Amino acid sequence: MGKYLNQLTLEIREGEHDERLEDLFNVTLILAVLVFLAVFCILLQLGCFENYSGALKPAPSIEWPVFPN
């Protein structure tokens, strides 16, 4: 396996085009993007990105007229 990887890296450095390697890269790139998107959506739905810090909440004694009637 090591001999194959060394030979493959030498071929790539010499400028030889490896179509199988390019196809493998394209597939793994698409899969990685899909996996990261799925994990982000799951974490977003679970509420992992919400900030529950007490320092960032507004003071309870101040009335904030955001939508005055």
PDB file of N, CA and C in Angstrom:
ATOM      1  N   MET A   1       0.828  -1.193   0.000  1.00  0.00           N
ATOM      2  CA  MET A   1       0.000   0.000   0.000  1.00  0.00           C
ATOM      3  C   MET A   1       0.873   1.259   0.000  1.00  0.00           C
ATOM      4  N   GLY A   2       1.919   1.230   0.822  1.00  0.00           N
ATOM      5  CA  GLY A   2       2.824   2.378   0.868  1.00  0.00           C
ATOM      6  C   GLY A   2       3.521   2.618  -0.452  1.00  0.00           C
ATOM      7  N   LYS A   3       3.896   1.504  -1.119  1.00  0.00           N
ATOM      8  CA  LYS A   3       4.552   1.635  -2.414  1.00  0.00           C
ATOM      9  C   LYS A   3       3.600   2.264  -3.436  1.00  0.00           C
ATOM     10  N   TYR A   4       2.331   1.865  -3.397  1.00  0.00           N
ATOM     11  CA  TYR A   4       1.345   2.426  -4.321  1.00  0.00           C
ATOM     12  C   TYR A   4       1.153   3.916  -4.054  1.00  0.00           C
ATOM     13  N   LEU A   5       1.076   4.311  -2.781  1.00  0.00           N
ATOM     14  CA  LEU A   5       0.892   5.726  -2.453  1.00  0.00           C
ATOM     15  C   LEU A   5       2.104   6.553  -2.856  1.00  0.00           C
ATOM     16  N   ASN A   6       3.299   6.019  -2.631  1.00  0.00           N
ATOM     17  CA  ASN A   6       4.509   6.736  -3.049  1.00  0.00           C
ATOM     18  C   ASN A   6       4.556   6.903  -4.563  1.00  0.00           C
ATOM     19  N   GLN A   7       4.218   5.837  -5.281  1.00  0.00           N
ATOM     20  CA  GLN A   7       4.202   5.912  -6.743  1.00  0.00           C
ATOM     21  C   GLN A   7       3.132   6.890  -7.215  1.00  0.00           C
ATOM     22  N   LEU A   8       1.979   6.890  -6.551  1.00  0.00           N
ATOM     23  CA  LEU A   8       0.899   7.783  -6.939  1.00  0.00           C
ATOM     24  C   LEU A   8       1.293   9.234  -6.713  1.00  0.00           C
ATOM     25  N   THR A   9       1.929   9.539  -5.567  1.00  0.00           N
ATOM     26  CA  THR A   9       2.334  10.920  -5.319  1.00  0.00           C
ATOM     27  C   THR A   9       3.417  11.359  -6.299  1.00  0.00           C
ATOM     28  N   LEU A  10       4.316  10.452  -6.667  1.00  0.00           N
ATOM     29  CA  LEU A  10       5.335  10.806  -7.656  1.00  0.00           C
ATOM     30  C   LEU A  10       4.703  11.092  -9.008  1.00  0.00           C
ATOM     31  N   GLU A  11       3.705  10.297  -9.399  1.00  0.00           N
ATOM     32  CA  GLU A  11       3.034  10.528 -10.677  1.00  0.00           C
ATOM     33  C   GLU A  11       2.299  11.864 -10.662  1.00  0.00           C
ATOM     34  N   ILE A  12       1.686  12.188  -9.543  1.00  0.00           N
ATOM     35  CA  ILE A  12       0.955  13.451  -9.448  1.00  0.00           C
ATOM     36  C   ILE A  12       1.932  14.624  -9.510  1.00  0.00           C
ATOM     37  N   ARG A  13       3.055  14.514  -8.820  1.00  0.00           N
ATOM     38  CA  ARG A  13       4.035  15.598  -8.838  1.00  0.00           C
ATOM     39  C   ARG A  13       4.658  15.787 -10.211  1.00  0.00           C
ATOM     40  N   GLU A  14       4.757  14.704 -10.986  1.00  0.00           N
ATOM     41  CA  GLU A  14       5.320  14.814 -12.326  1.00  0.00           C
ATOM     42  C   GLU A  14       4.311  15.379 -13.316  1.00  0.00           C
ATOM     43  N   GLY A  15       3.069  15.540 -12.903  1.00  0.00           N
ATOM     44  CA  GLY A  15       2.068  16.150 -13.756  1.00  0.00           C
ATOM     45  C   GLY A  15       1.192  15.176 -14.508  1.00  0.00           C
ATOM     46  N   GLU A  16       1.301  13.905 -14.196  1.00  0.00           N
ATOM     47  CA  GLU A  16       0.443  12.934 -14.870  1.00  0.00           C
ATOM     48  C   GLU A  16      -0.972  13.066 -14.321  1.00  0.00           C
ATOM     49  N   HIS A  17      -1.929  12.952 -15.196  1.00  0.00           N
ATOM     50  CA  HIS A  17      -3.331  13.112 -14.818  1.00  0.00           C
ATOM     51  C   HIS A  17      -3.910  11.759 -14.426  1.00  0.00           C
ATOM     52  N   ASP A  18      -4.481  11.698 -13.229  1.00  0.00           N
ATOM     53  CA  ASP A  18      -5.111  10.476 -12.762  1.00  0.00           C
ATOM     54  C   ASP A  18      -6.616  10.717 -12.680  1.00  0.00           C
ATOM     55  N   GLU A  19      -7.324  10.156 -13.623  1.00  0.00           N
ATOM     56  CA  GLU A  19      -8.769  10.405 -13.709  1.00  0.00           C
ATOM     57  C   GLU A  19      -9.525   9.765 -12.547  1.00  0.00           C
ATOM     58  N   ARG A  20      -9.096   8.572 -12.113  1.00  0.00           N
ATOM     59  CA  ARG A  20      -9.766   7.928 -10.979  1.00  0.00           C
ATOM     60  C   ARG A  20      -9.608   8.753  -9.709  1.00  0.00           C
ATOM     61  N   LEU A  21      -8.427   9.306  -9.509  1.00  0.00           N
ATOM     62  CA  LEU A  21      -8.181  10.119  -8.323  1.00  0.00           C
ATOM     63  C   LEU A  21      -9.013  11.394  -8.361  1.00  0.00           C
ATOM     64  N   GLU A  22      -9.165  11.990  -9.525  1.00  0.00           N
ATOM     65  CA  GLU A  22      -9.987  13.193  -9.644  1.00  0.00           C
ATOM     66  C   GLU A  22     -11.459  12.876  -9.377  1.00  0.00           C
ATOM     67  N   ASP A  23     -11.935  11.756  -9.898  1.00  0.00           N
ATOM     68  CA  ASP A  23     -13.319  11.355  -9.636  1.00  0.00           C
ATOM     69  C   ASP A  23     -13.535  11.070  -8.158  1.00  0.00           C
ATOM     70  N   LEU A  24     -12.586  10.418  -7.538  1.00  0.00           N
ATOM     71  CA  LEU A  24     -12.683  10.134  -6.107  1.00  0.00           C
ATOM     72  C   LEU A  24     -12.700  11.421  -5.299  1.00  0.00           C
ATOM     73  N   PHE A  25     -11.881  12.385  -5.682  1.00  0.00           N
ATOM     74  CA  PHE A  25     -11.862  13.674  -4.994  1.00  0.00           C
ATOM     75  C   PHE A  25     -13.200  14.390  -5.138  1.00  0.00           C
ATOM     76  N   ASN A  26     -13.765  14.398  -6.340  1.00  0.00           N
ATOM     77  CA  ASN A  26     -15.043  15.069  -6.563  1.00  0.00           C
ATOM     78  C   ASN A  26     -16.160  14.434  -5.742  1.00  0.00           C
ATOM     79  N   VAL A  27     -16.171  13.115  -5.673  1.00  0.00           N
ATOM     80  CA  VAL A  27     -17.212  12.421  -4.899  1.00  0.00           C
ATOM     81  C   VAL A  27     -17.047  12.709  -3.416  1.00  0.00           C
ATOM     82  N   THR A  28     -15.828  12.628  -2.907  1.00  0.00           N
ATOM     83  CA  THR A  28     -15.623  12.863  -1.475  1.00  0.00           C
ATOM     84  C   THR A  28     -15.879  14.324  -1.112  1.00  0.00           C
ATOM     85  N   LEU A  29     -15.605  15.245  -2.016  1.00  0.00           N
ATOM     86  CA  LEU A  29     -15.888  16.649  -1.749  1.00  0.00           C
ATOM     87  C   LEU A  29     -17.391  16.884  -1.618  1.00  0.00           C
ATOM     88  N   ILE A  30     -18.167  16.313  -2.527  1.00  0.00           N
ATOM     89  CA  ILE A  30     -19.621  16.456  -2.472  1.00  0.00           C
ATOM     90  C   ILE A  30     -20.171  15.797  -1.210  1.00  0.00           C
ATOM     91  N   LEU A  31     -19.681  14.614  -0.883  1.00  0.00           N
ATOM     92  CA  LEU A  31     -20.148  13.933   0.326  1.00  0.00           C
ATOM     93  C   LEU A  31     -19.790  14.702   1.592  1.00  0.00           C
ATOM     94  N   ALA A  32     -18.607  15.280   1.629  1.00  0.00           N
ATOM     95  CA  ALA A  32     -18.202  16.053   2.800  1.00  0.00           C
ATOM     96  C   ALA A  32     -19.083  17.280   2.972  1.00  0.00           C
ATOM     97  N   VAL A  33     -19.398  17.963   1.891  1.00  0.00           N
ATOM     98  CA  VAL A  33     -20.271  19.139   1.970  1.00  0.00           C
ATOM     99  C   VAL A  33     -21.658  18.726   2.455  1.00  0.00           C
ATOM    100  N   LEU A  34     -22.188  17.630   1.938  1.00  0.00           N
ATOM    101  CA  LEU A  34     -23.502  17.162   2.362  1.00  0.00           C
ATOM    102  C   LEU A  34     -23.527  16.741   3.827  1.00  0.00           C
ATOM    103  N   VAL A  35     -22.473  16.088   4.277  1.00  0.00           N
ATOM    104  CA  VAL A  35     -22.402  15.668   5.680  1.00  0.00           C
ATOM    105  C   VAL A  35     -22.321  16.884   6.598  1.00  0.00           C
ATOM    106  N   PHE A  36     -21.489  17.855   6.261  1.00  0.00           N
ATOM    107  CA  PHE A  36     -21.384  19.052   7.096  1.00  0.00           C
ATOM    108  C   PHE A  36     -22.687  19.838   7.108  1.00  0.00           C
ATOM    109  N   LEU A  37     -23.381  19.901   5.977  1.00  0.00           N
ATOM    110  CA  LEU A  37     -24.670  20.587   5.921  1.00  0.00           C
ATOM    111  C   LEU A  37     -25.704  19.864   6.779  1.00  0.00           C
ATOM    112  N   ALA A  38     -25.721  18.541   6.712  1.00  0.00           N
ATOM    113  CA  ALA A  38     -26.670  17.765   7.511  1.00  0.00           C
ATOM    114  C   ALA A  38     -26.395  17.930   9.004  1.00  0.00           C
ATOM    115  N   VAL A  39     -25.132  17.891   9.394  1.00  0.00           N
ATOM    116  CA  VAL A  39     -24.780  18.068  10.809  1.00  0.00           C
ATOM    117  C   VAL A  39     -25.143  19.467  11.281  1.00  0.00           C
ATOM    118  N   PHE A  40     -24.906  20.473  10.448  1.00  0.00           N
ATOM    119  CA  PHE A  40     -25.268  21.834  10.815  1.00  0.00           C
ATOM    120  C   PHE A  40     -26.771  21.969  11.003  1.00  0.00           C
ATOM    121  N   CYS A  41     -27.553  21.379  10.088  1.00  0.00           N
ATOM    122  CA  CYS A  41     -29.017  21.459  10.211  1.00  0.00           C
ATOM    123  C   CYS A  41     -29.511  20.733  11.457  1.00  0.00           C
ATOM    124  N   ILE A  42     -28.926  19.583  11.769  1.00  0.00           N
ATOM    125  CA  ILE A  42     -29.329  18.847  12.969  1.00  0.00           C
ATOM    126  C   ILE A  42     -28.999  19.646  14.219  1.00  0.00           C
ATOM    127  N   LEU A  43     -27.795  20.215  14.284  1.00  0.00           N
ATOM    128  CA  LEU A  43     -27.416  21.010  15.452  1.00  0.00           C
ATOM    129  C   LEU A  43     -28.261  22.267  15.571  1.00  0.00           C
ATOM    130  N   LEU A  44     -28.646  22.846  14.457  1.00  0.00           N
ATOM    131  CA  LEU A  44     -29.504  24.020  14.485  1.00  0.00           C
ATOM    132  C   LEU A  44     -30.882  23.665  15.024  1.00  0.00           C
ATOM    133  N   GLN A  45     -31.420  22.519  14.606  1.00  0.00           N
ATOM    134  CA  GLN A  45     -32.726  22.084  15.081  1.00  0.00           C
ATOM    135  C   GLN A  45     -32.694  21.706  16.558  1.00  0.00           C
ATOM    136  N   LEU A  46     -31.569  21.214  17.031  1.00  0.00           N
ATOM    137  CA  LEU A  46     -31.450  20.848  18.447  1.00  0.00           C
ATOM    138  C   LEU A  46     -31.213  22.055  19.337  1.00  0.00           C
ATOM    139  N   GLY A  47     -30.965  23.207  18.750  1.00  0.00           N
ATOM    140  CA  GLY A  47     -30.768  24.423  19.521  1.00  0.00           C
ATOM    141  C   GLY A  47     -29.370  24.590  20.076  1.00  0.00           C
ATOM    142  N   CYS A  48     -28.403  23.989  19.433  1.00  0.00           N
ATOM    143  CA  CYS A  48     -27.028  24.065  19.925  1.00  0.00           C
ATOM    144  C   CYS A  48     -26.392  25.425  19.677  1.00  0.00           C
ATOM    145  N   PHE A  49     -26.967  26.238  18.807  1.00  0.00           N
ATOM    146  CA  PHE A  49     -26.372  27.523  18.482  1.00  0.00           C
ATOM    147  C   PHE A  49     -27.022  28.681  19.226  1.00  0.00           C
ATOM    148  N   GLU A  50     -27.961  28.367  20.116  1.00  0.00           N
ATOM    149  CA  GLU A  50     -28.596  29.430  20.897  1.00  0.00           C
ATOM    150  C   GLU A  50     -27.698  29.803  22.062  1.00  0.00           C
ATOM    151  N   ASN A  51     -27.704  31.064  22.391  1.00  0.00           N
ATOM    152  CA  ASN A  51     -26.847  31.542  23.474  1.00  0.00           C
ATOM    153  C   ASN A  51     -27.715  31.794  24.701  1.00  0.00           C
ATOM    154  N   TYR A  52     -27.447  31.080  25.780  1.00  0.00           N
ATOM    155  CA  TYR A  52     -28.216  31.216  27.000  1.00  0.00           C
ATOM    156  C   TYR A  52     -27.465  32.009  28.061  1.00  0.00           C
ATOM    157  N   SER A  53     -26.557  32.853  27.640  1.00  0.00           N
ATOM    158  CA  SER A  53     -25.768  33.629  28.587  1.00  0.00           C
ATOM    159  C   SER A  53     -26.643  34.691  29.247  1.00  0.00           C
ATOM    160  N   GLY A  54     -26.552  34.797  30.584  1.00  0.00           N
ATOM    161  CA  GLY A  54     -27.314  35.796  31.302  1.00  0.00           C
ATOM    162  C   GLY A  54     -26.803  37.198  31.069  1.00  0.00           C
ATOM    163  N   ALA A  55     -25.554  37.338  30.689  1.00  0.00           N
ATOM    164  CA  ALA A  55     -24.977  38.665  30.478  1.00  0.00           C
ATOM    165  C   ALA A  55     -25.506  39.310  29.197  1.00  0.00           C
ATOM    166  N   LEU A  56     -25.949  38.522  28.250  1.00  0.00           N
ATOM    167  CA  LEU A  56     -26.417  39.071  26.989  1.00  0.00           C
ATOM    168  C   LEU A  56     -27.920  39.327  26.965  1.00  0.00           C
ATOM    169  N   LYS A  57     -28.628  38.935  28.026  1.00  0.00           N
ATOM    170  CA  LYS A  57     -30.065  39.174  28.081  1.00  0.00           C
ATOM    171  C   LYS A  57     -30.323  40.597  28.543  1.00  0.00           C
ATOM    172  N   PRO A  58     -31.411  41.219  28.077  1.00  0.00           N
ATOM    173  CA  PRO A  58     -31.710  42.582  28.524  1.00  0.00           C
ATOM    174  C   PRO A  58     -32.125  42.595  29.991  1.00  0.00           C
ATOM    175  N   ALA A  59     -31.942  43.726  30.600  1.00  0.00           N
ATOM    176  CA  ALA A  59     -32.303  43.869  32.003  1.00  0.00           C
ATOM    177  C   ALA A  59     -33.817  43.765  32.166  1.00  0.00           C
ATOM    178  N   PRO A  60     -34.306  43.055  33.194  1.00  0.00           N
ATOM    179  CA  PRO A  60     -35.748  42.870  33.335  1.00  0.00           C
ATOM    180  C   PRO A  60     -36.474  44.144  33.760  1.00  0.00           C
ATOM    181  N   SER A  61     -35.784  45.120  34.348  1.00  0.00           N
ATOM    182  CA  SER A  61     -36.457  46.316  34.830  1.00  0.00           C
ATOM    183  C   SER A  61     -36.681  47.352  33.720  1.00  0.00           C
ATOM    184  N   ILE A  62     -35.986  47.210  32.600  1.00  0.00           N
ATOM    185  CA  ILE A  62     -36.121  48.183  31.508  1.00  0.00           C
ATOM    186  C   ILE A  62     -37.173  47.674  30.530  1.00  0.00           C
ATOM    187  N   GLU A  63     -38.103  48.554  30.171  1.00  0.00           N
ATOM    188  CA  GLU A  63     -39.106  48.193  29.189  1.00  0.00           C
ATOM    189  C   GLU A  63     -38.613  48.595  27.818  1.00  0.00           C
ATOM    190  N   TRP A  64     -38.569  47.657  26.934  1.00  0.00           N
ATOM    191  CA  TRP A  64     -38.059  47.877  25.597  1.00  0.00           C
ATOM    192  C   TRP A  64     -39.231  48.032  24.626  1.00  0.00           C
ATOM    193  N   PRO A  65     -39.547  49.232  24.179  1.00  0.00           N
ATOM    194  CA  PRO A  65     -40.695  49.426  23.284  1.00  0.00           C
ATOM    195  C   PRO A  65     -40.341  49.089  21.840  1.00  0.00           C
ATOM    196  N   VAL A  66     -40.262  47.814  21.562  1.00  0.00           N
ATOM    197  CA  VAL A  66     -39.899  47.389  20.225  1.00  0.00           C
ATOM    198  C   VAL A  66     -41.070  47.562  19.271  1.00  0.00           C
ATOM    199  N   PHE A  67     -42.247  47.104  19.691  1.00  0.00           N
ATOM    200  CA  PHE A  67     -43.450  47.249  18.886  1.00  0.00           C
ATOM    201  C   PHE A  67     -44.498  48.015  19.704  1.00  0.00           C
ATOM    202  N   PRO A  68     -44.377  49.330  19.821  1.00  0.00           N
ATOM    203  CA  PRO A  68     -45.358  50.065  20.612  1.00  0.00           C
ATOM    204  C   PRO A  68     -46.723  50.104  19.894  1.00  0.00           C
ATOM    205  N   ASN A  69     -47.777  50.098  20.681  1.00  0.00           N
ATOM    206  CA  ASN A  69     -49.131  50.124  20.108  1.00  0.00           C
ATOM    207  C   ASN A  69     -49.588  51.531  19.869  1.00  0.00           C
TER     208      ASN A  69
END
